[in-house]
PDB file of all heavy atoms in Angstrom:
ATOM      1  N   ASP A   1       0.837  -1.225   0.071  1.00  0.00           N
ATOM      2  CA  ASP A   1      -0.036   0.058  -0.056  1.00  0.00           C
ATOM      3  C   ASP A   1       0.934   1.288   0.051  1.00  0.00           C
ATOM      4  O   ASP A   1       2.118   1.178   0.190  1.00  0.00           O
ATOM      5  CB  ASP A   1      -0.878  -0.012   1.305  1.00  0.00           C
ATOM      6  CG  ASP A   1      -0.210   0.359   2.509  1.00  0.00           C
ATOM      7  OD1 ASP A   1       0.020   1.493   2.749  1.00  0.00           O
ATOM      8  OD2 ASP A   1       0.160  -0.664   3.285  1.00  0.00           O
ATOM      9  N   PRO A   2       0.288   2.370  -0.252  1.00  0.00           N
ATOM     10  CA  PRO A   2       1.168   3.604  -0.543  1.00  0.00           C
ATOM     11  C   PRO A   2       1.724   4.262   0.745  1.00  0.00           C
ATOM     12  O   PRO A   2       2.494   5.190   0.676  1.00  0.00           O
ATOM     13  CB  PRO A   2       0.302   4.582  -1.219  1.00  0.00           C
ATOM     14  CG  PRO A   2      -1.126   4.268  -0.779  1.00  0.00           C
ATOM     15  CD  PRO A   2      -1.065   2.728  -0.638  1.00  0.00           C
ATOM     16  N   THR A   3       1.494   3.679   1.990  1.00  0.00           N
ATOM     17  CA  THR A   3       2.162   4.120   3.140  1.00  0.00           C
ATOM     18  C   THR A   3       3.704   3.582   3.137  1.00  0.00           C
ATOM     19  O   THR A   3       4.502   4.131   3.839  1.00  0.00           O
ATOM     20  CB  THR A   3       1.519   3.784   4.520  1.00  0.00           C
ATOM     21  OG1 THR A   3       1.677   2.280   4.577  1.00  0.00           O
ATOM     22  CG2 THR A   3       0.154   4.168   4.521  1.00  0.00           C
ATOM     23  N   LYS A   4       3.914   2.557   2.315  1.00  0.00           N
ATOM     24  CA  LYS A   4       5.242   2.098   2.116  1.00  0.00           C
ATOM     25  C   LYS A   4       6.090   2.899   1.229  1.00  0.00           C
ATOM     26  O   LYS A   4       5.737   2.917   0.113  1.00  0.00           O
ATOM     27  CB  LYS A   4       5.147   0.613   1.589  1.00  0.00           C
ATOM     28  CG  LYS A   4       4.932  -0.482   2.562  1.00  0.00           C
ATOM     29  CD  LYS A   4       3.604  -0.518   3.159  1.00  0.00           C
ATOM     30  CE  LYS A   4       3.237  -1.751   3.927  1.00  0.00           C
ATOM     31  NZ  LYS A   4       1.903  -1.677   4.530  1.00  0.00           N
ATOM     32  N   VAL A   5       7.113   3.578   1.687  1.00  0.00           N
ATOM     33  CA  VAL A   5       7.892   4.498   0.995  1.00  0.00           C
ATOM     34  C   VAL A   5       8.685   3.774  -0.162  1.00  0.00           C
ATOM     35  O   VAL A   5       9.086   4.503  -1.109  1.00  0.00           O
ATOM     36  CB  VAL A   5       8.770   5.367   1.792  1.00  0.00           C
ATOM     37  CG1 VAL A   5       7.988   6.367   2.709  1.00  0.00           C
ATOM     38  CG2 VAL A   5       9.605   4.534   2.757  1.00  0.00           C
ATOM     39  N   ASP A   6       8.846   2.468  -0.007  1.00  0.00           N
ATOM     40  CA  ASP A   6       9.455   1.652  -1.147  1.00  0.00           C
ATOM     41  C   ASP A   6       8.706   2.109  -2.443  1.00  0.00           C
ATOM     42  O   ASP A   6       9.313   2.220  -3.506  1.00  0.00           O
ATOM     43  CB  ASP A   6       9.408   0.193  -0.851  1.00  0.00           C
ATOM     44  CG  ASP A   6      10.461  -0.304  -0.060  1.00  0.00           C
ATOM     45  OD1 ASP A   6      11.571   0.431   0.110  1.00  0.00           O
ATOM     46  OD2 ASP A   6      10.430  -1.411   0.451  1.00  0.00           O
ATOM     47  N   ARG A   7       7.445   2.143  -2.202  1.00  0.00           N
ATOM     48  CA  ARG A   7       6.536   2.475  -3.482  1.00  0.00           C
ATOM     49  C   ARG A   7       6.296   3.973  -3.510  1.00  0.00           C
ATOM     50  O   ARG A   7       6.714   4.611  -4.660  1.00  0.00           O
ATOM     51  CB  ARG A   7       5.262   1.755  -3.317  1.00  0.00           C
ATOM     52  CG  ARG A   7       4.309   1.993  -4.476  1.00  0.00           C
ATOM     53  CD  ARG A   7       3.090   0.901  -4.419  1.00  0.00           C
ATOM     54  NE  ARG A   7       2.860   0.519  -5.811  1.00  0.00           N
ATOM     55  CZ  ARG A   7       2.277  -0.641  -6.022  1.00  0.00           C
ATOM     56  NH1 ARG A   7       1.638  -1.363  -5.036  1.00  0.00           N
ATOM     57  NH2 ARG A   7       2.074  -0.992  -7.327  1.00  0.00           N
ATOM     58  N   SER A   8       5.664   4.699  -2.580  1.00  0.00           N
ATOM     59  CA  SER A   8       5.254   6.033  -2.768  1.00  0.00           C
ATOM     60  C   SER A   8       6.475   6.975  -2.929  1.00  0.00           C
ATOM     61  O   SER A   8       6.290   7.895  -3.801  1.00  0.00           O
ATOM     62  CB  SER A   8       4.416   6.407  -1.694  1.00  0.00           C
ATOM     63  OG  SER A   8       5.133   6.237  -0.364  1.00  0.00           O
ATOM     64  N   ALA A   9       7.549   6.827  -2.239  1.00  0.00           N
ATOM     65  CA  ALA A   9       8.636   7.781  -2.376  1.00  0.00           C
ATOM     66  C   ALA A   9       9.391   7.512  -3.702  1.00  0.00           C
ATOM     67  O   ALA A   9       9.915   8.367  -4.300  1.00  0.00           O
ATOM     68  CB  ALA A   9       9.581   7.618  -1.143  1.00  0.00           C
ATOM     69  N   ALA A  10       9.363   6.211  -4.184  1.00  0.00           N
ATOM     70  CA  ALA A  10       9.924   6.074  -5.532  1.00  0.00           C
ATOM     71  C   ALA A  10       9.104   6.581  -6.531  1.00  0.00           C
ATOM     72  O   ALA A  10       9.663   7.222  -7.483  1.00  0.00           O
ATOM     73  CB  ALA A  10      10.142   4.544  -5.749  1.00  0.00           C
ATOM     74  N   TYR A  11       7.855   6.676  -6.409  1.00  0.00           N
ATOM     75  CA  TYR A  11       6.849   7.369  -7.382  1.00  0.00           C
ATOM     76  C   TYR A  11       7.130   8.953  -7.232  1.00  0.00           C
ATOM     77  O   TYR A  11       7.211   9.537  -8.356  1.00  0.00           O
ATOM     78  CB  TYR A  11       5.473   7.107  -7.016  1.00  0.00           C
ATOM     79  CG  TYR A  11       4.977   5.614  -7.372  1.00  0.00           C
ATOM     80  CD1 TYR A  11       3.720   5.168  -7.123  1.00  0.00           C
ATOM     81  CD2 TYR A  11       5.856   4.635  -7.994  1.00  0.00           C
ATOM     82  CE1 TYR A  11       3.197   3.936  -7.353  1.00  0.00           C
ATOM     83  CE2 TYR A  11       5.444   3.400  -8.284  1.00  0.00           C
ATOM     84  CZ  TYR A  11       4.022   3.119  -8.014  1.00  0.00           C
ATOM     85  OH  TYR A  11       3.714   1.760  -8.294  1.00  0.00           O
ATOM     86  N   ALA A  12       7.318   9.363  -6.110  1.00  0.00           N
ATOM     87  CA  ALA A  12       7.575  10.802  -5.831  1.00  0.00           C
ATOM     88  C   ALA A  12       8.822  11.361  -6.502  1.00  0.00           C
ATOM     89  O   ALA A  12       9.034  12.274  -7.132  1.00  0.00           O
ATOM     90  CB  ALA A  12       7.446  11.118  -4.439  1.00  0.00           C
ATOM     91  N   ALA A  13       9.919  10.444  -6.385  1.00  0.00           N
ATOM     92  CA  ALA A  13      11.197  10.823  -6.929  1.00  0.00           C
ATOM     93  C   ALA A  13      11.108  10.814  -8.385  1.00  0.00           C
ATOM     94  O   ALA A  13      11.743  11.562  -9.009  1.00  0.00           O
ATOM     95  CB  ALA A  13      12.239   9.711  -6.317  1.00  0.00           C
ATOM     96  N   ARG A  14      10.392   9.867  -9.044  1.00  0.00           N
ATOM     97  CA  ARG A  14      10.352   9.930 -10.407  1.00  0.00           C
ATOM     98  C   ARG A  14       9.488  11.146 -10.903  1.00  0.00           C
ATOM     99  O   ARG A  14       9.889  11.863 -11.902  1.00  0.00           O
ATOM    100  CB  ARG A  14       9.536   8.578 -10.831  1.00  0.00           C
ATOM    101  CG  ARG A  14       8.872   8.721 -12.224  1.00  0.00           C
ATOM    102  CD  ARG A  14       9.806   8.893 -13.360  1.00  0.00           C
ATOM    103  NE  ARG A  14       9.108   8.920 -14.628  1.00  0.00           N
ATOM    104  CZ  ARG A  14       9.642   9.139 -15.870  1.00  0.00           C
ATOM    105  NH1 ARG A  14      10.942   9.358 -15.943  1.00  0.00           N
ATOM    106  NH2 ARG A  14       8.896   9.107 -17.055  1.00  0.00           N
ATOM    107  N   TYR A  15       8.485  11.475 -10.166  1.00  0.00           N
ATOM    108  CA  TYR A  15       7.587  12.599 -10.458  1.00  0.00           C
ATOM    109  C   TYR A  15       8.531  13.847 -10.529  1.00  0.00           C
ATOM    110  O   TYR A  15       8.337  14.735 -11.397  1.00  0.00           O
ATOM    111  CB  TYR A  15       6.500  12.815  -9.396  1.00  0.00           C
ATOM    112  CG  TYR A  15       5.661  13.942  -9.395  1.00  0.00           C
ATOM    113  CD1 TYR A  15       4.874  14.298 -10.530  1.00  0.00           C
ATOM    114  CD2 TYR A  15       5.661  14.749  -8.305  1.00  0.00           C
ATOM    115  CE1 TYR A  15       4.034  15.487 -10.468  1.00  0.00           C
ATOM    116  CE2 TYR A  15       4.946  15.943  -8.241  1.00  0.00           C
ATOM    117  CZ  TYR A  15       3.992  16.216  -9.321  1.00  0.00           C
ATOM    118  OH  TYR A  15       3.209  17.443  -9.236  1.00  0.00           O
ATOM    119  N   LEU A  16       9.341  14.029  -9.401  1.00  0.00           N
ATOM    120  CA  LEU A  16      10.178  15.273  -9.364  1.00  0.00           C
ATOM    121  C   LEU A  16      11.197  15.258 -10.531  1.00  0.00           C
ATOM    122  O   LEU A  16      11.421  16.305 -11.186  1.00  0.00           O
ATOM    123  CB  LEU A  16      10.754  15.323  -8.027  1.00  0.00           C
ATOM    124  CG  LEU A  16       9.864  15.556  -6.782  1.00  0.00           C
ATOM    125  CD1 LEU A  16      10.597  15.460  -5.554  1.00  0.00           C
ATOM    126  CD2 LEU A  16       9.104  16.881  -6.882  1.00  0.00           C
ATOM    127  N   ALA A  17      11.889  13.972 -10.787  1.00  0.00           N
ATOM    128  CA  ALA A  17      12.961  14.025 -11.800  1.00  0.00           C
ATOM    129  C   ALA A  17      12.337  14.289 -13.188  1.00  0.00           C
ATOM    130  O   ALA A  17      12.958  14.917 -13.935  1.00  0.00           O
ATOM    131  CB  ALA A  17      13.578  12.660 -11.686  1.00  0.00           C
ATOM    132  N   LYS A  18      11.166  13.729 -13.381  1.00  0.00           N
ATOM    133  CA  LYS A  18      10.578  13.950 -14.736  1.00  0.00           C
ATOM    134  C   LYS A  18      10.252  15.400 -14.939  1.00  0.00           C
ATOM    135  O   LYS A  18      10.408  15.887 -15.980  1.00  0.00           O
ATOM    136  CB  LYS A  18       9.311  13.048 -14.845  1.00  0.00           C
ATOM    137  CG  LYS A  18       8.605  13.217 -16.085  1.00  0.00           C
ATOM    138  CD  LYS A  18       7.386  12.263 -16.379  1.00  0.00           C
ATOM    139  CE  LYS A  18       6.824  12.324 -17.732  1.00  0.00           C
ATOM    140  NZ  LYS A  18       5.594  11.460 -17.936  1.00  0.00           N
ATOM    141  N   ASN A  19       9.769  16.107 -13.874  1.00  0.00           N
ATOM    142  CA  ASN A  19       9.288  17.450 -14.006  1.00  0.00           C
ATOM    143  C   ASN A  19      10.672  18.362 -14.141  1.00  0.00           C
ATOM    144  O   ASN A  19      10.572  19.317 -14.945  1.00  0.00           O
ATOM    145  CB  ASN A  19       8.551  17.935 -12.781  1.00  0.00           C
ATOM    146  CG  ASN A  19       7.124  17.658 -12.986  1.00  0.00           C
ATOM    147  OD1 ASN A  19       6.351  18.531 -13.536  1.00  0.00           O
ATOM    148  ND2 ASN A  19       6.641  16.569 -12.580  1.00  0.00           N
ATOM    149  N   VAL A  20      11.786  17.971 -13.578  1.00  0.00           N
ATOM    150  CA  VAL A  20      12.941  18.799 -13.839  1.00  0.00           C
ATOM    151  C   VAL A  20      13.366  18.668 -15.251  1.00  0.00           C
ATOM    152  O   VAL A  20      13.723  19.556 -15.905  1.00  0.00           O
ATOM    153  CB  VAL A  20      13.959  18.180 -12.863  1.00  0.00           C
ATOM    154  CG1 VAL A  20      15.418  18.660 -13.300  1.00  0.00           C
ATOM    155  CG2 VAL A  20      13.751  18.496 -11.364  1.00  0.00           C
ATOM    156  N   VAL A  21      13.364  17.456 -15.853  1.00  0.00           N
ATOM    157  CA  VAL A  21      13.744  17.302 -17.218  1.00  0.00           C
ATOM    158  C   VAL A  21      12.751  17.903 -18.224  1.00  0.00           C
ATOM    159  O   VAL A  21      13.086  18.619 -19.064  1.00  0.00           O
ATOM    160  CB  VAL A  21      13.863  15.800 -17.607  1.00  0.00           C
ATOM    161  CG1 VAL A  21      14.225  15.646 -19.058  1.00  0.00           C
ATOM    162  CG2 VAL A  21      15.051  15.230 -16.719  1.00  0.00           C
ATOM    163  N   ALA A  22      11.333  17.679 -17.864  1.00  0.00           N
ATOM    164  CA  ALA A  22      10.293  18.354 -18.658  1.00  0.00           C
ATOM    165  C   ALA A  22      10.458  19.851 -18.694  1.00  0.00           C
ATOM    166  O   ALA A  22      10.139  20.447 -19.687  1.00  0.00           O
ATOM    167  CB  ALA A  22       8.996  17.884 -18.232  1.00  0.00           C
ATOM    168  N   ALA A  23      10.877  20.364 -17.585  1.00  0.00           N
ATOM    169  CA  ALA A  23      11.116  21.809 -17.543  1.00  0.00           C
ATOM    170  C   ALA A  23      12.303  22.424 -18.245  1.00  0.00           C
ATOM    171  O   ALA A  23      12.530  23.689 -18.403  1.00  0.00           O
ATOM    172  CB  ALA A  23      11.176  22.232 -16.063  1.00  0.00           C
ATOM    173  N   GLY A  24      13.125  21.425 -18.843  1.00  0.00           N
ATOM    174  CA  GLY A  24      14.277  21.818 -19.500  1.00  0.00           C
ATOM    175  C   GLY A  24      15.501  22.272 -18.651  1.00  0.00           C
ATOM    176  O   GLY A  24      16.506  22.839 -19.146  1.00  0.00           O
ATOM    177  N   LEU A  25      15.470  21.890 -17.403  1.00  0.00           N
ATOM    178  CA  LEU A  25      16.547  22.232 -16.435  1.00  0.00           C
ATOM    179  C   LEU A  25      17.691  21.337 -16.460  1.00  0.00           C
ATOM    180  O   LEU A  25      18.683  21.565 -15.925  1.00  0.00           O
ATOM    181  CB  LEU A  25      15.956  22.322 -15.015  1.00  0.00           C
ATOM    182  CG  LEU A  25      14.879  23.281 -14.795  1.00  0.00           C
ATOM    183  CD1 LEU A  25      14.546  23.310 -13.273  1.00  0.00           C
ATOM    184  CD2 LEU A  25      15.243  24.624 -15.201  1.00  0.00           C
ATOM    185  N   ALA A  26      17.379  20.125 -17.172  1.00  0.00           N
ATOM    186  CA  ALA A  26      18.563  19.203 -17.401  1.00  0.00           C
ATOM    187  C   ALA A  26      18.107  18.242 -18.417  1.00  0.00           C
ATOM    188  O   ALA A  26      16.909  18.001 -18.631  1.00  0.00           O
ATOM    189  CB  ALA A  26      18.793  18.477 -15.983  1.00  0.00           C
ATOM    190  N   ASP A  27      19.095  17.515 -19.045  1.00  0.00           N
ATOM    191  CA  ASP A  27      18.824  16.418 -19.953  1.00  0.00           C
ATOM    192  C   ASP A  27      18.596  15.057 -19.273  1.00  0.00           C
ATOM    193  O   ASP A  27      17.875  14.211 -19.662  1.00  0.00           O
ATOM    194  CB  ASP A  27      20.026  16.154 -20.989  1.00  0.00           C
ATOM    195  CG  ASP A  27      20.290  17.384 -21.818  1.00  0.00           C
ATOM    196  OD1 ASP A  27      19.113  18.231 -22.013  1.00  0.00           O
ATOM    197  OD2 ASP A  27      21.356  17.654 -22.256  1.00  0.00           O
ATOM    198  N   ARG A  28      19.278  15.001 -17.964  1.00  0.00           N
ATOM    199  CA  ARG A  28      19.071  13.714 -17.200  1.00  0.00           C
ATOM    200  C   ARG A  28      18.984  14.184 -15.806  1.00  0.00           C
ATOM    201  O   ARG A  28      19.559  15.192 -15.390  1.00  0.00           O
ATOM    202  CB  ARG A  28      20.124  12.774 -17.421  1.00  0.00           C
ATOM    203  CG  ARG A  28      20.392  12.214 -18.798  1.00  0.00           C
ATOM    204  CD  ARG A  28      21.745  11.496 -18.964  1.00  0.00           C
ATOM    205  NE  ARG A  28      21.861  10.400 -18.023  1.00  0.00           N
ATOM    206  CZ  ARG A  28      23.056   9.930 -17.594  1.00  0.00           C
ATOM    207  NH1 ARG A  28      24.135  10.530 -17.800  1.00  0.00           N
ATOM    208  NH2 ARG A  28      23.077   9.019 -16.690  1.00  0.00           N
ATOM    209  N   CYS A  29      18.240  13.479 -15.027  1.00  0.00           N
ATOM    210  CA  CYS A  29      18.178  13.811 -13.530  1.00  0.00           C
ATOM    211  C   CYS A  29      17.881  12.656 -12.702  1.00  0.00           C
ATOM    212  O   CYS A  29      16.926  11.789 -13.063  1.00  0.00           O
ATOM    213  CB  CYS A  29      17.050  14.822 -13.360  1.00  0.00           C
ATOM    214  SG  CYS A  29      16.686  15.201 -11.635  1.00  0.00           S
ATOM    215  N   THR A  30      18.647  12.456 -11.662  1.00  0.00           N
ATOM    216  CA  THR A  30      18.486  11.310 -10.683  1.00  0.00           C
ATOM    217  C   THR A  30      18.308  11.964  -9.387  1.00  0.00           C
ATOM    218  O   THR A  30      19.110  12.923  -8.910  1.00  0.00           O
ATOM    219  CB  THR A  30      19.819  10.386 -10.643  1.00  0.00           C
ATOM    220  OG1 THR A  30      20.034   9.821 -11.928  1.00  0.00           O
ATOM    221  CG2 THR A  30      19.576   9.275  -9.606  1.00  0.00           C
ATOM    222  N   ILE A  31      17.226  11.499  -8.637  1.00  0.00           N
ATOM    223  CA  ILE A  31      17.007  11.979  -7.266  1.00  0.00           C
ATOM    224  C   ILE A  31      16.943  10.787  -6.308  1.00  0.00           C
ATOM    225  O   ILE A  31      16.327   9.872  -6.676  1.00  0.00           O
ATOM    226  CB  ILE A  31      15.637  12.706  -7.418  1.00  0.00           C
ATOM    227  CG1 ILE A  31      15.696  14.050  -8.146  1.00  0.00           C
ATOM    228  CG2 ILE A  31      15.109  13.162  -5.893  1.00  0.00           C
ATOM    229  CD1 ILE A  31      14.378  14.652  -8.375  1.00  0.00           C
ATOM    230  N   GLN A  32      17.689  10.902  -5.172  1.00  0.00           N
ATOM    231  CA  GLN A  32      17.566  10.002  -4.240  1.00  0.00           C
ATOM    232  C   GLN A  32      16.798  10.654  -2.814  1.00  0.00           C
ATOM    233  O   GLN A  32      17.162  11.715  -2.576  1.00  0.00           O
ATOM    234  CB  GLN A  32      18.971   9.546  -3.754  1.00  0.00           C
ATOM    235  CG  GLN A  32      18.958   8.418  -2.647  1.00  0.00           C
ATOM    236  CD  GLN A  32      20.198   8.390  -1.859  1.00  0.00           C
ATOM    237  OE1 GLN A  32      20.700   9.296  -1.208  1.00  0.00           O
ATOM    238  NE2 GLN A  32      20.840   7.213  -1.881  1.00  0.00           N
ATOM    239  N   LEU A  33      15.874   9.822  -2.396  1.00  0.00           N
ATOM    240  CA  LEU A  33      15.281  10.194  -1.138  1.00  0.00           C
ATOM    241  C   LEU A  33      15.582   9.043  -0.165  1.00  0.00           C
ATOM    242  O   LEU A  33      15.633   7.852  -0.553  1.00  0.00           O
ATOM    243  CB  LEU A  33      13.844  10.367  -1.296  1.00  0.00           C
ATOM    244  CG  LEU A  33      13.328  11.377  -2.294  1.00  0.00           C
ATOM    245  CD1 LEU A  33      11.725  11.277  -2.411  1.00  0.00           C
ATOM    246  CD2 LEU A  33      13.593  12.717  -1.932  1.00  0.00           C
ATOM    247  N   SER A  34      15.619   9.386   1.153  1.00  0.00           N
ATOM    248  CA  SER A  34      15.881   8.389   2.219  1.00  0.00           C
ATOM    249  C   SER A  34      14.885   8.620   3.318  1.00  0.00           C
ATOM    250  O   SER A  34      14.537   9.640   3.655  1.00  0.00           O
ATOM    251  CB  SER A  34      17.334   8.275   2.662  1.00  0.00           C
ATOM    252  OG  SER A  34      17.636   9.446   3.395  1.00  0.00           O
ATOM    253  N   TYR A  35      14.538   7.541   4.005  1.00  0.00           N
ATOM    254  CA  TYR A  35      13.698   7.487   5.135  1.00  0.00           C
ATOM    255  C   TYR A  35      13.998   6.628   6.328  1.00  0.00           C
ATOM    256  O   TYR A  35      14.773   5.675   6.092  1.00  0.00           O
ATOM    257  CB  TYR A  35      12.243   7.172   4.649  1.00  0.00           C
ATOM    258  CG  TYR A  35      11.605   8.187   3.755  1.00  0.00           C
ATOM    259  CD1 TYR A  35      11.941   8.063   2.334  1.00  0.00           C
ATOM    260  CD2 TYR A  35      10.844   9.274   3.987  1.00  0.00           C
ATOM    261  CE1 TYR A  35      11.479   9.097   1.428  1.00  0.00           C
ATOM    262  CE2 TYR A  35      10.190  10.209   3.299  1.00  0.00           C
ATOM    263  CZ  TYR A  35      10.628  10.040   1.855  1.00  0.00           C
ATOM    264  OH  TYR A  35      10.029  11.030   1.085  1.00  0.00           O
ATOM    265  N   ALA A  36      13.480   6.943   7.513  1.00  0.00           N
ATOM    266  CA  ALA A  36      13.647   6.102   8.639  1.00  0.00           C
ATOM    267  C   ALA A  36      12.218   5.642   9.123  1.00  0.00           C
ATOM    268  O   ALA A  36      11.197   6.384   9.072  1.00  0.00           O
ATOM    269  CB  ALA A  36      14.269   6.933   9.773  1.00  0.00           C
ATOM    270  N   ILE A  37      12.085   4.407   9.504  1.00  0.00           N
ATOM    271  CA  ILE A  37      10.741   3.827   9.836  1.00  0.00           C
ATOM    272  C   ILE A  37      10.194   4.729  11.017  1.00  0.00           C
ATOM    273  O   ILE A  37      10.903   4.926  12.054  1.00  0.00           O
ATOM    274  CB  ILE A  37      10.842   2.282  10.194  1.00  0.00           C
ATOM    275  CG1 ILE A  37       9.488   1.775  10.495  1.00  0.00           C
ATOM    276  CG2 ILE A  37      11.664   2.088  11.450  1.00  0.00           C
ATOM    277  CD1 ILE A  37       9.407   0.265  10.542  1.00  0.00           C
ATOM    278  N   GLY A  38       8.950   4.993  10.795  1.00  0.00           N
ATOM    279  CA  GLY A  38       8.192   5.758  11.846  1.00  0.00           C
ATOM    280  C   GLY A  38       8.379   7.255  11.837  1.00  0.00           C
ATOM    281  O   GLY A  38       7.774   7.993  12.537  1.00  0.00           O
TER     282      GLY A  38
END
């Protein structure tokens, strides 16, 4: 389910990276997020 950041944060990181490239701010973009349980 989407409370699991394995899923939801990976989707968010793709969303942000895609928007960076779509905005013309870079040709390629990699974003890393990290979390602690709780």
